[in-house]
Amino acid sequence: MPFTISTQPFGPLATDSQPLTEYLLEHTETGEFMSILPGFGGILRRLVLRKGKELMMLIKAPDSPQALLAAESYASAFLYPFPSRIRHGIYRFDGEDYALPMNEAKHDNALHGFVYGESFQVISQETTDTHAQLVLRYDYTGSMPGYPFPFSLTITYELIQADQLPLGSLANDRMCALRITYSALNTGPKPCPAAFGWHPYFTLSEEAIDDMTLSLPARSAIVLDDDMLPKGRQPAEPAGTILLRDRELDTPFVIEPASPPTDNPFAETILASPNAGMRLIVGQETGPGKLNHLVCFTPPRRDSVAIEPLTANVNAFNTGDGLAVIDPGDALSGTIWVRLD
């Protein structure tokens, strides 16, 4: 069977701790693989896919335990129960006021939820002729006063044959792709506010992004104030490509519905290298309650691009823009995938 799952130690993160267990999902015939750290937020630390005969490193994430602890970039983090920012960490829900810890000192906001760095359990693992699958779960009891709503967040990672994806007929069946499915279940007795996001930094084997382009789906850009909170929205733009040379991005977008409507519920964002003749494609499921928002960010080192699928806008706990209200026993769920062509 070409797909395998193995483990190796990563760490320890501190002198008095045990090493984390890193899981490797691999296609042994092509050399494509990804590695995951369940014990540190369930993050994806490495993703290597193949274009032709060449293996390409596609994720920019900490490469050592020391770098993992020192990082403040939220690389590959799952953002739950809210992505982006909540103004001063304060929000009102169902007639009650709540205050979350402010972990963004520069702007005095609550940032990116609180599952980053938490320990996820490995629930199951599976290999078949067409995929390797690892299922993780993080259970939250509602212990934080600012968010007293219990939940169970399940993340399913799959290394799959690329032709299994939407429009996969365009891909060679001997190429692999990443698929991530998330499900956030309300395990409490009353409705809860929620939004989900993923924060990967993508690279094409660390090529300078100034030589690349970024193709965006039809969207409306969100205008931010000095505290990085929404203050308006620009007119809708059709799908198009921008040059990244001398372009700085830290921009949220609302993805516009396809016109005319299509049977494919996925919006695509494409990072392309004309020099290397390849494209990295990030697909996010859109539609009611799905990933209808996107943030693109170019870090100062300009060696990667953050392409962040989100279910809600910045400060959604106060504005309601994209915010989900999950009833007891219901879940917020969706799918993201990454492939090369």
C-alpha atoms as a PDB file:
ATOM      1  CA  MET A   1       0.000   0.000   0.000  1.00  0.00           C
ATOM      2  CA  PRO A   2       1.666   3.293  -1.092  1.00  0.00           C
ATOM      3  CA  PHE A   3       0.136   5.449   1.684  1.00  0.00           C
ATOM      4  CA  THR A   4       1.621   5.092   5.165  1.00  0.00           C
ATOM      5  CA  ILE A   5       1.442   6.751   8.595  1.00  0.00           C
ATOM      6  CA  SER A   6       4.421   6.776  10.947  1.00  0.00           C
ATOM      7  CA  THR A   7       5.582   8.764  13.972  1.00  0.00           C
ATOM      8  CA  GLN A   8       8.779  10.358  15.217  1.00  0.00           C
ATOM      9  CA  PRO A   9       9.722  12.504  18.236  1.00  0.00           C
ATOM     10  CA  PHE A  10       9.779  16.300  17.934  1.00  0.00           C
ATOM     11  CA  GLY A  11      11.335  18.160  20.805  1.00  0.00           C
ATOM     12  CA  PRO A  12      11.217  18.268  23.734  1.00  0.00           C
ATOM     13  CA  LEU A  13       9.896  21.833  23.841  1.00  0.00           C
ATOM     14  CA  ALA A  14      11.468  22.406  27.267  1.00  0.00           C
ATOM     15  CA  THR A  15      14.106  20.704  29.379  1.00  0.00           C
ATOM     16  CA  ASP A  16      11.477  19.290  31.757  1.00  0.00           C
ATOM     17  CA  SER A  17       9.045  18.041  29.096  1.00  0.00           C
ATOM     18  CA  GLN A  18       8.685  14.988  26.909  1.00  0.00           C
ATOM     19  CA  PRO A  19       9.056  15.249  23.119  1.00  0.00           C
ATOM     20  CA  LEU A  20       5.935  15.806  21.070  1.00  0.00           C
ATOM     21  CA  THR A  21       4.891  13.037  18.716  1.00  0.00           C
ATOM     22  CA  GLU A  22       4.996  14.101  15.076  1.00  0.00           C
ATOM     23  CA  TYR A  23       2.834  12.118  12.653  1.00  0.00           C
ATOM     24  CA  LEU A  24       4.013  11.638   9.058  1.00  0.00           C
ATOM     25  CA  LEU A  25       1.479  10.856   6.340  1.00  0.00           C
ATOM     26  CA  GLU A  26       3.400   9.722   3.274  1.00  0.00           C
ATOM     27  CA  HIS A  27       3.045   8.344  -0.246  1.00  0.00           C
ATOM     28  CA  THR A  28       6.055   6.060  -0.391  1.00  0.00           C
ATOM     29  CA  GLU A  29       6.186   5.825  -4.190  1.00  0.00           C
ATOM     30  CA  THR A  30       6.164   9.565  -4.931  1.00  0.00           C
ATOM     31  CA  GLY A  31       7.908  10.822  -1.770  1.00  0.00           C
ATOM     32  CA  GLU A  32       5.104  13.289  -1.022  1.00  0.00           C
ATOM     33  CA  PHE A  33       4.299  13.743   2.652  1.00  0.00           C
ATOM     34  CA  MET A  34       3.006  15.960   5.416  1.00  0.00           C
ATOM     35  CA  SER A  35       3.800  16.106   9.116  1.00  0.00           C
ATOM     36  CA  ILE A  36       1.446  17.078  11.938  1.00  0.00           C
ATOM     37  CA  LEU A  37       1.920  17.942  15.605  1.00  0.00           C
ATOM     38  CA  PRO A  38      -1.249  16.906  17.481  1.00  0.00           C
ATOM     39  CA  GLY A  39       0.284  17.976  20.799  1.00  0.00           C
ATOM     40  CA  PHE A  40       0.758  21.583  19.649  1.00  0.00           C
ATOM     41  CA  GLY A  41      -2.556  22.803  18.272  1.00  0.00           C
ATOM     42  CA  GLY A  42      -2.752  19.980  15.728  1.00  0.00           C
ATOM     43  CA  ILE A  43      -0.721  22.140  13.347  1.00  0.00           C
ATOM     44  CA  LEU A  44       0.591  21.115   9.946  1.00  0.00           C
ATOM     45  CA  ARG A  45       4.360  21.580  10.191  1.00  0.00           C
ATOM     46  CA  ARG A  46       5.450  20.319   6.780  1.00  0.00           C
ATOM     47  CA  LEU A  47       3.748  19.756   3.436  1.00  0.00           C
ATOM     48  CA  VAL A  48       5.755  18.422   0.489  1.00  0.00           C
ATOM     49  CA  LEU A  49       3.992  17.721  -2.818  1.00  0.00           C
ATOM     50  CA  ARG A  50       5.324  16.830  -6.248  1.00  0.00           C
ATOM     51  CA  LYS A  51       5.301  18.781  -9.505  1.00  0.00           C
ATOM     52  CA  GLY A  52       6.658  16.569 -12.252  1.00  0.00           C
ATOM     53  CA  LYS A  53       9.736  14.902 -10.783  1.00  0.00           C
ATOM     54  CA  GLU A  54      10.410  17.694  -8.290  1.00  0.00           C
ATOM     55  CA  LEU A  55       9.298  17.678  -4.654  1.00  0.00           C
ATOM     56  CA  MET A  56       8.228  21.106  -3.409  1.00  0.00           C
ATOM     57  CA  MET A  57       8.138  22.323   0.187  1.00  0.00           C
ATOM     58  CA  LEU A  58       4.879  24.252   0.480  1.00  0.00           C
ATOM     59  CA  ILE A  59       4.438  25.245   4.140  1.00  0.00           C
ATOM     60  CA  LYS A  60       6.488  27.793   6.060  1.00  0.00           C
ATOM     61  CA  ALA A  61       6.364  26.747   9.717  1.00  0.00           C
ATOM     62  CA  PRO A  62       8.786  26.452  12.669  1.00  0.00           C
ATOM     63  CA  ASP A  63      11.527  23.929  11.917  1.00  0.00           C
ATOM     64  CA  SER A  64      12.660  23.317  15.500  1.00  0.00           C
ATOM     65  CA  PRO A  65      11.086  23.048  18.958  1.00  0.00           C
ATOM     66  CA  GLN A  66      12.730  26.335  19.963  1.00  0.00           C
ATOM     67  CA  ALA A  67      11.336  28.119  16.908  1.00  0.00           C
ATOM     68  CA  LEU A  68       7.889  26.655  17.595  1.00  0.00           C
ATOM     69  CA  LEU A  69       7.808  28.109  21.107  1.00  0.00           C
ATOM     70  CA  ALA A  70       9.211  31.477  19.989  1.00  0.00           C
ATOM     71  CA  ALA A  71       6.904  31.901  16.971  1.00  0.00           C
ATOM     72  CA  GLU A  72       4.224  34.594  17.129  1.00  0.00           C
ATOM     73  CA  SER A  73       3.008  34.185  13.554  1.00  0.00           C
ATOM     74  CA  TYR A  74       0.311  31.551  14.238  1.00  0.00           C
ATOM     75  CA  ALA A  75       1.824  29.486  11.414  1.00  0.00           C
ATOM     76  CA  SER A  76      -0.590  26.706  10.372  1.00  0.00           C
ATOM     77  CA  ALA A  77      -2.802  27.449  13.397  1.00  0.00           C
ATOM     78  CA  PHE A  78      -6.459  26.528  13.577  1.00  0.00           C
ATOM     79  CA  LEU A  79      -8.345  29.630  14.675  1.00  0.00           C
ATOM     80  CA  TYR A  80     -11.303  28.782  16.891  1.00  0.00           C
ATOM     81  CA  PRO A  81     -13.759  29.754  18.317  1.00  0.00           C
ATOM     82  CA  PHE A  82     -12.939  32.968  16.482  1.00  0.00           C
ATOM     83  CA  PRO A  83     -10.397  33.957  13.806  1.00  0.00           C
ATOM     84  CA  SER A  84      -8.861  37.403  13.443  1.00  0.00           C
ATOM     85  CA  ARG A  85      -9.755  40.008  16.058  1.00  0.00           C
ATOM     86  CA  ILE A  86     -12.416  40.836  18.604  1.00  0.00           C
ATOM     87  CA  ARG A  87     -12.303  44.519  19.568  1.00  0.00           C
ATOM     88  CA  HIS A  88     -10.755  44.753  23.055  1.00  0.00           C
ATOM     89  CA  GLY A  89     -11.838  41.124  23.547  1.00  0.00           C
ATOM     90  CA  ILE A  90     -15.341  42.336  24.442  1.00  0.00           C
ATOM     91  CA  TYR A  91     -18.575  41.097  22.881  1.00  0.00           C
ATOM     92  CA  ARG A  92     -22.251  40.664  23.705  1.00  0.00           C
ATOM     93  CA  PHE A  93     -24.170  37.460  22.989  1.00  0.00           C
ATOM     94  CA  ASP A  94     -27.740  36.475  23.849  1.00  0.00           C
ATOM     95  CA  GLY A  95     -28.115  39.401  26.233  1.00  0.00           C
ATOM     96  CA  GLU A  96     -24.879  38.758  28.151  1.00  0.00           C
ATOM     97  CA  ASP A  97     -21.545  40.618  28.046  1.00  0.00           C
ATOM     98  CA  TYR A  98     -18.268  38.685  27.803  1.00  0.00           C
ATOM     99  CA  ALA A  99     -14.582  39.651  27.970  1.00  0.00           C
ATOM    100  CA  LEU A 100     -11.819  37.531  26.441  1.00  0.00           C
ATOM    101  CA  PRO A 101      -8.107  37.861  27.247  1.00  0.00           C
ATOM    102  CA  MET A 102      -6.409  40.447  25.031  1.00  0.00           C
ATOM    103  CA  ASN A 103      -3.435  38.701  23.416  1.00  0.00           C
ATOM    104  CA  GLU A 104      -2.620  41.297  20.754  1.00  0.00           C
ATOM    105  CA  ALA A 105      -0.811  43.982  22.728  1.00  0.00           C
ATOM    106  CA  LYS A 106      -0.196  46.308  19.780  1.00  0.00           C
ATOM    107  CA  HIS A 107      -3.918  46.832  19.110  1.00  0.00           C
ATOM    108  CA  ASP A 108      -5.477  45.745  22.438  1.00  0.00           C
ATOM    109  CA  ASN A 109      -7.608  43.045  20.844  1.00  0.00           C
ATOM    110  CA  ALA A 110      -8.315  39.368  21.368  1.00  0.00           C
ATOM    111  CA  LEU A 111      -6.713  37.496  18.484  1.00  0.00           C
ATOM    112  CA  HIS A 112      -7.218  34.124  16.771  1.00  0.00           C
ATOM    113  CA  GLY A 113      -9.147  32.155  19.384  1.00  0.00           C
ATOM    114  CA  PHE A 114      -7.459  29.917  21.937  1.00  0.00           C
ATOM    115  CA  VAL A 115      -6.850  26.425  20.517  1.00  0.00           C
ATOM    116  CA  TYR A 116      -3.396  27.291  19.113  1.00  0.00           C
ATOM    117  CA  GLY A 117      -0.784  25.367  21.063  1.00  0.00           C
ATOM    118  CA  GLU A 118      -3.352  23.198  22.854  1.00  0.00           C
ATOM    119  CA  SER A 119      -3.020  19.411  22.844  1.00  0.00           C
ATOM    120  CA  PHE A 120      -5.265  17.527  20.422  1.00  0.00           C
ATOM    121  CA  GLN A 121      -5.984  13.817  20.815  1.00  0.00           C
ATOM    122  CA  VAL A 122      -5.439  11.391  17.937  1.00  0.00           C
ATOM    123  CA  ILE A 123      -8.862   9.792  17.482  1.00  0.00           C
ATOM    124  CA  SER A 124      -8.144   7.540  14.520  1.00  0.00           C
ATOM    125  CA  GLN A 125      -5.762   6.873  11.665  1.00  0.00           C
ATOM    126  CA  GLU A 126      -6.294   5.005   8.403  1.00  0.00           C
ATOM    127  CA  THR A 127      -4.412   4.121   5.237  1.00  0.00           C
ATOM    128  CA  THR A 128      -5.893   2.810   1.992  1.00  0.00           C
ATOM    129  CA  ASP A 129      -4.776   2.600  -1.624  1.00  0.00           C
ATOM    130  CA  THR A 130      -5.981   6.181  -2.186  1.00  0.00           C
ATOM    131  CA  HIS A 131      -5.274   8.097   1.015  1.00  0.00           C
ATOM    132  CA  ALA A 132      -3.745   8.377   4.477  1.00  0.00           C
ATOM    133  CA  GLN A 133      -6.038   9.913   7.093  1.00  0.00           C
ATOM    134  CA  LEU A 134      -5.401  11.251  10.600  1.00  0.00           C
ATOM    135  CA  VAL A 135      -8.280  12.462  12.811  1.00  0.00           C
ATOM    136  CA  LEU A 136      -7.606  14.802  15.768  1.00  0.00           C
ATOM    137  CA  ARG A 137      -9.909  16.250  18.418  1.00  0.00           C
ATOM    138  CA  TYR A 138      -9.717  18.986  21.036  1.00  0.00           C
ATOM    139  CA  ASP A 139     -12.370  19.042  23.775  1.00  0.00           C
ATOM    140  CA  TYR A 140     -13.073  22.305  25.587  1.00  0.00           C
ATOM    141  CA  THR A 141     -15.142  22.301  28.783  1.00  0.00           C
ATOM    142  CA  GLY A 142     -16.184  25.974  28.805  1.00  0.00           C
ATOM    143  CA  SER A 143     -13.776  26.889  31.609  1.00  0.00           C
ATOM    144  CA  MET A 144     -12.899  30.387  30.348  1.00  0.00           C
ATOM    145  CA  PRO A 145     -15.333  33.065  31.629  1.00  0.00           C
ATOM    146  CA  GLY A 146     -15.024  34.962  28.353  1.00  0.00           C
ATOM    147  CA  TYR A 147     -16.212  31.927  26.392  1.00  0.00           C
ATOM    148  CA  PRO A 148     -18.250  29.583  28.643  1.00  0.00           C
ATOM    149  CA  PHE A 149     -19.448  27.451  25.728  1.00  0.00           C
ATOM    150  CA  PRO A 150     -18.135  23.850  25.606  1.00  0.00           C
ATOM    151  CA  PHE A 151     -17.166  22.451  22.225  1.00  0.00           C
ATOM    152  CA  SER A 152     -15.405  19.565  20.535  1.00  0.00           C
ATOM    153  CA  LEU A 153     -13.232  20.565  17.555  1.00  0.00           C
ATOM    154  CA  THR A 154     -12.371  17.706  15.199  1.00  0.00           C
ATOM    155  CA  ILE A 155      -9.771  18.090  12.444  1.00  0.00           C
ATOM    156  CA  THR A 156      -9.353  15.440   9.741  1.00  0.00           C
ATOM    157  CA  TYR A 157      -6.140  15.523   7.723  1.00  0.00           C
ATOM    158  CA  GLU A 158      -5.895  13.519   4.510  1.00  0.00           C
ATOM    159  CA  LEU A 159      -3.061  13.000   2.058  1.00  0.00           C
ATOM    160  CA  ILE A 160      -5.016  11.903  -1.002  1.00  0.00           C
ATOM    161  CA  GLN A 161      -4.692  11.332  -4.712  1.00  0.00           C
ATOM    162  CA  ALA A 162      -5.225  14.726  -6.319  1.00  0.00           C
ATOM    163  CA  ASP A 163      -7.798  13.432  -8.795  1.00  0.00           C
ATOM    164  CA  GLN A 164     -10.229  12.963  -5.876  1.00  0.00           C
ATOM    165  CA  LEU A 165     -10.604  16.728  -5.454  1.00  0.00           C
ATOM    166  CA  PRO A 166     -13.164  18.911  -7.239  1.00  0.00           C
ATOM    167  CA  LEU A 167     -11.828  19.521 -10.760  1.00  0.00           C
ATOM    168  CA  GLY A 168      -9.395  16.738  -9.916  1.00  0.00           C
ATOM    169  CA  SER A 169      -9.579  15.412 -13.460  1.00  0.00           C
ATOM    170  CA  LEU A 170      -7.094  18.174 -14.258  1.00  0.00           C
ATOM    171  CA  ALA A 171      -4.558  16.511 -11.950  1.00  0.00           C
ATOM    172  CA  ASN A 172      -2.427  13.454 -12.568  1.00  0.00           C
ATOM    173  CA  ASP A 173      -3.674  10.551 -10.437  1.00  0.00           C
ATOM    174  CA  ARG A 174      -0.107   9.964  -9.240  1.00  0.00           C
ATOM    175  CA  MET A 175       0.071  13.418  -7.674  1.00  0.00           C
ATOM    176  CA  CYS A 176      -1.063  13.939  -4.084  1.00  0.00           C
ATOM    177  CA  ALA A 177      -2.997  16.710  -2.395  1.00  0.00           C
ATOM    178  CA  LEU A 178      -3.907  17.812   1.120  1.00  0.00           C
ATOM    179  CA  ARG A 179      -7.502  17.835   2.308  1.00  0.00           C
ATOM    180  CA  ILE A 180      -8.579  19.224   5.703  1.00  0.00           C
ATOM    181  CA  THR A 181     -12.068  18.783   7.101  1.00  0.00           C
ATOM    182  CA  TYR A 182     -13.120  20.520  10.313  1.00  0.00           C
ATOM    183  CA  SER A 183     -16.150  20.067  12.560  1.00  0.00           C
ATOM    184  CA  ALA A 184     -16.797  22.193  15.648  1.00  0.00           C
ATOM    185  CA  LEU A 185     -19.556  20.556  17.716  1.00  0.00           C
ATOM    186  CA  ASN A 186     -21.459  22.500  20.366  1.00  0.00           C
ATOM    187  CA  THR A 187     -21.349  20.130  23.353  1.00  0.00           C
ATOM    188  CA  GLY A 188     -22.972  22.601  25.766  1.00  0.00           C
ATOM    189  CA  PRO A 189     -26.590  23.126  26.806  1.00  0.00           C
ATOM    190  CA  LYS A 190     -27.201  26.427  24.990  1.00  0.00           C
ATOM    191  CA  PRO A 191     -26.379  28.136  21.660  1.00  0.00           C
ATOM    192  CA  CYS A 192     -22.887  29.525  21.174  1.00  0.00           C
ATOM    193  CA  PRO A 193     -21.252  32.067  18.835  1.00  0.00           C
ATOM    194  CA  ALA A 194     -18.492  30.620  16.649  1.00  0.00           C
ATOM    195  CA  ALA A 195     -16.245  31.161  13.651  1.00  0.00           C
ATOM    196  CA  PHE A 196     -13.390  29.098  12.234  1.00  0.00           C
ATOM    197  CA  GLY A 197     -10.205  29.809  10.307  1.00  0.00           C
ATOM    198  CA  TRP A 198      -6.899  28.283   9.234  1.00  0.00           C
ATOM    199  CA  HIS A 199      -3.635  30.284   9.135  1.00  0.00           C
ATOM    200  CA  PRO A 200      -1.076  28.584   6.831  1.00  0.00           C
ATOM    201  CA  TYR A 201       1.922  30.333   5.276  1.00  0.00           C
ATOM    202  CA  PHE A 202       2.602  28.995   1.782  1.00  0.00           C
ATOM    203  CA  THR A 203       5.876  28.946  -0.089  1.00  0.00           C
ATOM    204  CA  LEU A 204       7.218  27.304  -3.242  1.00  0.00           C
ATOM    205  CA  SER A 205      10.481  25.938  -1.806  1.00  0.00           C
ATOM    206  CA  GLU A 206      11.191  29.404  -0.360  1.00  0.00           C
ATOM    207  CA  GLU A 207      11.310  31.220  -3.690  1.00  0.00           C
ATOM    208  CA  ALA A 208      11.010  34.987  -3.220  1.00  0.00           C
ATOM    209  CA  ILE A 209       7.371  35.998  -3.474  1.00  0.00           C
ATOM    210  CA  ASP A 210       8.279  39.142  -5.433  1.00  0.00           C
ATOM    211  CA  ASP A 211       8.595  36.894  -8.466  1.00  0.00           C
ATOM    212  CA  MET A 212       5.124  35.399  -7.961  1.00  0.00           C
ATOM    213  CA  THR A 213       1.508  36.247  -8.642  1.00  0.00           C
ATOM    214  CA  LEU A 214      -1.617  35.735  -6.550  1.00  0.00           C
ATOM    215  CA  SER A 215      -4.951  34.948  -8.194  1.00  0.00           C
ATOM    216  CA  LEU A 216      -8.014  35.706  -6.098  1.00  0.00           C
ATOM    217  CA  PRO A 217     -11.646  34.663  -6.501  1.00  0.00           C
ATOM    218  CA  ALA A 218     -14.366  37.257  -7.005  1.00  0.00           C
ATOM    219  CA  ARG A 219     -14.331  39.227  -3.768  1.00  0.00           C
ATOM    220  CA  SER A 220     -14.879  42.458  -1.863  1.00  0.00           C
ATOM    221  CA  ALA A 221     -11.951  43.809   0.159  1.00  0.00           C
ATOM    222  CA  ILE A 222     -12.605  44.834   3.758  1.00  0.00           C
ATOM    223  CA  VAL A 223     -11.261  48.264   4.753  1.00  0.00           C
ATOM    224  CA  LEU A 224      -9.556  48.257   8.165  1.00  0.00           C
ATOM    225  CA  ASP A 225      -8.901  51.060  10.627  1.00  0.00           C
ATOM    226  CA  ASP A 226      -5.648  51.680  12.519  1.00  0.00           C
ATOM    227  CA  ASP A 227      -6.534  48.919  14.998  1.00  0.00           C
ATOM    228  CA  MET A 228      -7.057  46.411  12.155  1.00  0.00           C
ATOM    229  CA  LEU A 229     -10.833  46.378  12.633  1.00  0.00           C
ATOM    230  CA  PRO A 230     -13.387  46.689   9.807  1.00  0.00           C
ATOM    231  CA  LYS A 231     -14.683  50.130   8.902  1.00  0.00           C
ATOM    232  CA  GLY A 232     -16.087  49.492   5.440  1.00  0.00           C
ATOM    233  CA  ARG A 233     -16.070  47.404   2.310  1.00  0.00           C
ATOM    234  CA  GLN A 234     -14.784  48.179  -1.172  1.00  0.00           C
ATOM    235  CA  PRO A 235     -16.857  47.438  -4.285  1.00  0.00           C
ATOM    236  CA  ALA A 236     -16.849  43.857  -5.499  1.00  0.00           C
ATOM    237  CA  GLU A 237     -14.091  42.847  -7.904  1.00  0.00           C
ATOM    238  CA  PRO A 238     -14.153  39.941 -10.364  1.00  0.00           C
ATOM    239  CA  ALA A 239     -11.697  37.073 -10.057  1.00  0.00           C
ATOM    240  CA  GLY A 240      -8.256  38.279 -11.113  1.00  0.00           C
ATOM    241  CA  THR A 241      -4.496  38.110 -10.676  1.00  0.00           C
ATOM    242  CA  ILE A 242      -2.189  40.546  -8.897  1.00  0.00           C
ATOM    243  CA  LEU A 243       1.596  40.850  -8.993  1.00  0.00           C
ATOM    244  CA  LEU A 244       3.228  40.488  -5.575  1.00  0.00           C
ATOM    245  CA  ARG A 245       6.335  42.536  -6.370  1.00  0.00           C
ATOM    246  CA  ASP A 246       6.381  45.584  -4.065  1.00  0.00           C
ATOM    247  CA  ARG A 247       2.888  44.635  -2.878  1.00  0.00           C
ATOM    248  CA  GLU A 248       2.146  44.389   0.858  1.00  0.00           C
ATOM    249  CA  LEU A 249      -1.016  42.555   1.839  1.00  0.00           C
ATOM    250  CA  ASP A 250      -2.766  42.219   5.186  1.00  0.00           C
ATOM    251  CA  THR A 251      -6.228  42.222   3.715  1.00  0.00           C
ATOM    252  CA  PRO A 252      -9.492  40.468   4.556  1.00  0.00           C
ATOM    253  CA  PHE A 253     -11.935  39.687   1.769  1.00  0.00           C
ATOM    254  CA  VAL A 254     -15.528  38.568   1.477  1.00  0.00           C
ATOM    255  CA  ILE A 255     -15.803  36.007  -1.303  1.00  0.00           C
ATOM    256  CA  GLU A 256     -18.550  36.842  -3.778  1.00  0.00           C
ATOM    257  CA  PRO A 257     -20.911  34.063  -4.927  1.00  0.00           C
ATOM    258  CA  ALA A 258     -20.094  32.581  -8.325  1.00  0.00           C
ATOM    259  CA  SER A 259     -21.976  34.218 -11.175  1.00  0.00           C
ATOM    260  CA  PRO A 260     -23.512  32.377 -12.861  1.00  0.00           C
ATOM    261  CA  PRO A 261     -23.892  29.790 -10.057  1.00  0.00           C
ATOM    262  CA  THR A 262     -21.911  26.560 -10.488  1.00  0.00           C
ATOM    263  CA  ASP A 263     -22.059  23.054  -9.035  1.00  0.00           C
ATOM    264  CA  ASN A 264     -18.551  23.510  -7.571  1.00  0.00           C
ATOM    265  CA  PRO A 265     -18.839  25.011  -4.046  1.00  0.00           C
ATOM    266  CA  PHE A 266     -15.110  25.770  -3.770  1.00  0.00           C
ATOM    267  CA  ALA A 267     -13.432  29.140  -4.252  1.00  0.00           C
ATOM    268  CA  GLU A 268      -9.765  28.992  -5.278  1.00  0.00           C
ATOM    269  CA  THR A 269      -6.817  31.195  -4.396  1.00  0.00           C
ATOM    270  CA  ILE A 270      -3.704  30.511  -6.494  1.00  0.00           C
ATOM    271  CA  LEU A 271      -0.078  31.326  -5.712  1.00  0.00           C
ATOM    272  CA  ALA A 272       1.872  31.019  -8.964  1.00  0.00           C
ATOM    273  CA  SER A 273       5.547  31.028  -9.867  1.00  0.00           C
ATOM    274  CA  PRO A 274       6.053  31.889 -13.558  1.00  0.00           C
ATOM    275  CA  ASN A 275       9.765  31.110 -13.146  1.00  0.00           C
ATOM    276  CA  ALA A 276       9.102  27.570 -11.931  1.00  0.00           C
ATOM    277  CA  GLY A 277       6.019  27.054 -14.089  1.00  0.00           C
ATOM    278  CA  MET A 278       3.808  25.903 -11.238  1.00  0.00           C
ATOM    279  CA  ARG A 279       0.765  26.936  -9.238  1.00  0.00           C
ATOM    280  CA  LEU A 280      -0.241  26.213  -5.652  1.00  0.00           C
ATOM    281  CA  ILE A 281      -4.031  26.122  -5.379  1.00  0.00           C
ATOM    282  CA  VAL A 282      -5.956  26.549  -2.120  1.00  0.00           C
ATOM    283  CA  GLY A 283      -9.611  25.578  -2.306  1.00  0.00           C
ATOM    284  CA  GLN A 284     -12.113  26.564   0.366  1.00  0.00           C
ATOM    285  CA  GLU A 285     -15.720  25.421   0.619  1.00  0.00           C
ATOM    286  CA  THR A 286     -18.198  28.274   0.270  1.00  0.00           C
ATOM    287  CA  GLY A 287     -21.937  28.556   0.764  1.00  0.00           C
ATOM    288  CA  PRO A 288     -24.210  28.979   3.803  1.00  0.00           C
ATOM    289  CA  GLY A 289     -22.217  28.556   7.012  1.00  0.00           C
ATOM    290  CA  LYS A 290     -18.990  27.750   5.155  1.00  0.00           C
ATOM    291  CA  LEU A 291     -15.683  29.502   4.393  1.00  0.00           C
ATOM    292  CA  ASN A 292     -16.953  32.665   2.738  1.00  0.00           C
ATOM    293  CA  HIS A 293     -14.103  34.884   3.936  1.00  0.00           C
ATOM    294  CA  LEU A 294     -10.388  35.037   3.184  1.00  0.00           C
ATOM    295  CA  VAL A 295      -7.319  36.887   4.485  1.00  0.00           C
ATOM    296  CA  CYS A 296      -4.095  37.254   2.489  1.00  0.00           C
ATOM    297  CA  PHE A 297      -0.951  38.462   4.239  1.00  0.00           C
ATOM    298  CA  THR A 298       2.629  39.009   3.042  1.00  0.00           C
ATOM    299  CA  PRO A 299       5.024  38.828   6.032  1.00  0.00           C
ATOM    300  CA  PRO A 300       7.988  41.234   6.195  1.00  0.00           C
ATOM    301  CA  ARG A 301      10.499  38.525   5.203  1.00  0.00           C
ATOM    302  CA  ARG A 302       8.564  38.039   1.932  1.00  0.00           C
ATOM    303  CA  ASP A 303       9.427  34.354   1.796  1.00  0.00           C
ATOM    304  CA  SER A 304       5.823  33.148   2.023  1.00  0.00           C
ATOM    305  CA  VAL A 305       2.188  34.218   1.696  1.00  0.00           C
ATOM    306  CA  ALA A 306      -0.488  33.542   4.298  1.00  0.00           C
ATOM    307  CA  ILE A 307      -3.681  32.404   2.560  1.00  0.00           C
ATOM    308  CA  GLU A 308      -6.256  32.084   5.328  1.00  0.00           C
ATOM    309  CA  PRO A 309      -9.733  30.617   4.686  1.00  0.00           C
ATOM    310  CA  LEU A 310     -12.246  31.884   7.279  1.00  0.00           C
ATOM    311  CA  THR A 311     -15.941  31.505   8.009  1.00  0.00           C
ATOM    312  CA  ALA A 312     -16.365  35.075   9.304  1.00  0.00           C
ATOM    313  CA  ASN A 313     -15.077  38.615   9.044  1.00  0.00           C
ATOM    314  CA  VAL A 314     -12.769  40.370  11.482  1.00  0.00           C
ATOM    315  CA  ASN A 315     -14.613  41.299  14.733  1.00  0.00           C
ATOM    316  CA  ALA A 316     -17.557  39.085  13.730  1.00  0.00           C
ATOM    317  CA  PHE A 317     -18.499  38.495  17.394  1.00  0.00           C
ATOM    318  CA  ASN A 318     -19.532  42.165  17.449  1.00  0.00           C
ATOM    319  CA  THR A 319     -20.649  42.803  13.872  1.00  0.00           C
ATOM    320  CA  GLY A 320     -22.279  39.425  13.133  1.00  0.00           C
ATOM    321  CA  ASP A 321     -20.656  39.382   9.680  1.00  0.00           C
ATOM    322  CA  GLY A 322     -20.340  35.657   8.972  1.00  0.00           C
ATOM    323  CA  LEU A 323     -20.840  34.703  12.617  1.00  0.00           C
ATOM    324  CA  ALA A 324     -22.357  31.259  13.203  1.00  0.00           C
ATOM    325  CA  VAL A 325     -24.698  30.560  16.105  1.00  0.00           C
ATOM    326  CA  ILE A 326     -24.475  26.836  16.812  1.00  0.00           C
ATOM    327  CA  ASP A 327     -27.330  25.141  18.638  1.00  0.00           C
ATOM    328  CA  PRO A 328     -26.579  22.382  21.172  1.00  0.00           C
ATOM    329  CA  GLY A 329     -25.660  19.192  19.333  1.00  0.00           C
ATOM    330  CA  ASP A 330     -25.038  20.986  16.016  1.00  0.00           C
ATOM    331  CA  ALA A 331     -21.690  21.677  14.371  1.00  0.00           C
ATOM    332  CA  LEU A 332     -19.894  24.216  12.196  1.00  0.00           C
ATOM    333  CA  SER A 333     -18.073  22.277   9.462  1.00  0.00           C
ATOM    334  CA  GLY A 334     -16.351  22.580   6.100  1.00  0.00           C
ATOM    335  CA  THR A 335     -13.449  21.548   3.875  1.00  0.00           C
ATOM    336  CA  ILE A 336     -10.159  23.064   2.657  1.00  0.00           C
ATOM    337  CA  TRP A 337      -7.716  21.549   0.177  1.00  0.00           C
ATOM    338  CA  VAL A 338      -4.291  22.299  -1.268  1.00  0.00           C
ATOM    339  CA  ARG A 339      -2.754  20.972  -4.475  1.00  0.00           C
ATOM    340  CA  LEU A 340      -0.133  21.766  -7.089  1.00  0.00           C
ATOM    341  CA  ASP A 341      -0.443  21.933 -10.844  1.00  0.00           C
END
